[in-house]
Amino acid sequence: MTRDEALARIRELMVDLFELDPVRIVPEARLVDDLELDSIDAIDMVAKLHELTGERADESALKAIRTVGDVVDLALGQLEARSQPGP
């Protein structure tokens, strides 16, 4: 999945979950300050990311998320980890 494809999927997810205007969902958008998401929204988004990637994000990675771009990076990292062959 490319970064643009991941952004499109995240945008779709955020429009569905939070009824946001898709034009506002850009990589630089800050989740709290620009999109007005709260901690409950974050939990919902983490659950949907888990469905999308099939991977659970570790707590430190989740705490570092501030922007839509951070969410895209996390999703791409999880998808990449999932596609790596196991030991």
Protein backbone atom coordinates (compact mmCIF):
# COMPACT_ATOMS: atom_id res chain seq x y z
CA MET A 1 0.00 0.00 0.00
CA THR A 2 1.38 3.41 -0.92
CA ARG A 3 1.35 6.41 1.38
CA ASP A 4 -1.36 8.05 -0.76
CA GLU A 5 -3.50 4.89 -0.59
CA ALA A 6 -3.03 4.73 3.18
CA LEU A 7 -4.00 8.39 3.53
CA ALA A 8 -7.14 7.75 1.45
CA ARG A 9 -8.10 4.80 3.68
CA ILE A 10 -7.45 6.79 6.86
CA ARG A 11 -9.45 9.71 5.44
CA GLU A 12 -12.37 7.35 4.69
CA LEU A 13 -12.17 5.87 8.16
CA MET A 14 -12.15 9.30 9.82
CA VAL A 15 -15.05 10.58 7.70
CA ASP A 16 -17.11 7.50 8.62
CA LEU A 17 -16.19 7.52 12.31
CA PHE A 18 -16.19 11.21 13.09
CA GLU A 19 -18.26 12.77 10.28
CA LEU A 20 -15.38 15.08 9.37
CA ASP A 21 -15.10 17.02 6.13
CA PRO A 22 -12.60 15.01 4.05
CA VAL A 23 -10.94 18.25 2.90
CA ARG A 24 -9.78 18.83 6.50
CA ILE A 25 -8.09 15.42 6.74
CA VAL A 26 -4.61 16.21 5.47
CA PRO A 27 -1.28 14.84 6.76
CA GLU A 28 -0.50 18.07 8.63
CA ALA A 29 -3.85 18.22 10.43
CA ARG A 30 -3.47 17.89 14.18
CA LEU A 31 -5.96 15.41 15.59
CA VAL A 32 -6.88 17.40 18.71
CA ASP A 33 -6.31 21.01 17.70
CA ASP A 34 -7.44 20.93 14.06
CA LEU A 35 -9.90 18.04 13.92
CA GLU A 36 -11.17 18.34 17.51
CA LEU A 37 -10.87 14.64 18.29
CA ASP A 38 -10.87 13.54 21.93
CA SER A 39 -9.66 10.49 23.84
CA ILE A 40 -12.83 8.49 23.10
CA ASP A 41 -12.34 9.23 19.39
CA ALA A 42 -8.75 8.03 19.70
CA ILE A 43 -9.92 4.69 21.12
CA ASP A 44 -12.38 4.28 18.24
CA MET A 45 -9.65 5.09 15.72
CA VAL A 46 -7.21 2.61 17.28
CA ALA A 47 -9.85 -0.12 17.06
CA LYS A 48 -10.44 0.65 13.38
CA LEU A 49 -6.69 0.71 12.68
CA HIS A 50 -6.44 -2.72 14.26
CA GLU A 51 -9.18 -3.93 11.89
CA LEU A 52 -7.43 -2.32 8.92
CA THR A 53 -3.95 -3.65 9.63
CA GLY A 54 -4.59 -6.79 11.65
CA GLU A 55 -1.89 -5.57 14.07
CA ARG A 56 -2.04 -3.98 17.49
CA ALA A 57 -0.04 -0.80 17.97
CA ASP A 58 2.11 -0.57 21.06
CA GLU A 59 1.25 2.06 23.62
CA SER A 60 4.35 4.19 23.02
CA ALA A 61 3.54 4.45 19.30
CA LEU A 62 -0.02 5.50 20.09
CA LYS A 63 1.12 8.17 22.54
CA ALA A 64 3.33 9.72 19.85
CA ILE A 65 0.46 10.29 17.40
CA ARG A 66 -0.35 13.95 16.93
CA THR A 67 -1.29 14.37 13.26
CA VAL A 68 -3.10 12.55 10.48
CA GLY A 69 0.34 11.90 8.97
CA ASP A 70 1.36 10.12 12.18
CA VAL A 71 -1.70 7.86 11.86
CA VAL A 72 -0.77 7.08 8.25
CA ASP A 73 2.83 6.28 9.27
CA LEU A 74 1.60 3.99 12.04
CA ALA A 75 -0.77 2.14 9.70
CA LEU A 76 1.94 1.72 7.06
CA GLY A 77 4.40 0.47 9.67
CA GLN A 78 1.89 -2.06 10.95
CA LEU A 79 1.09 -3.27 7.44
CA GLU A 80 4.80 -3.60 6.67
CA ALA A 81 5.40 -5.55 9.87
CA ARG A 82 2.54 -7.87 9.00
CA SER A 83 3.97 -8.58 5.56
CA GLN A 84 7.41 -9.52 6.92
CA PRO A 85 8.05 -13.25 7.12
CA GLY A 86 8.01 -14.69 10.62
CA PRO A 87 11.01 -16.28 12.37
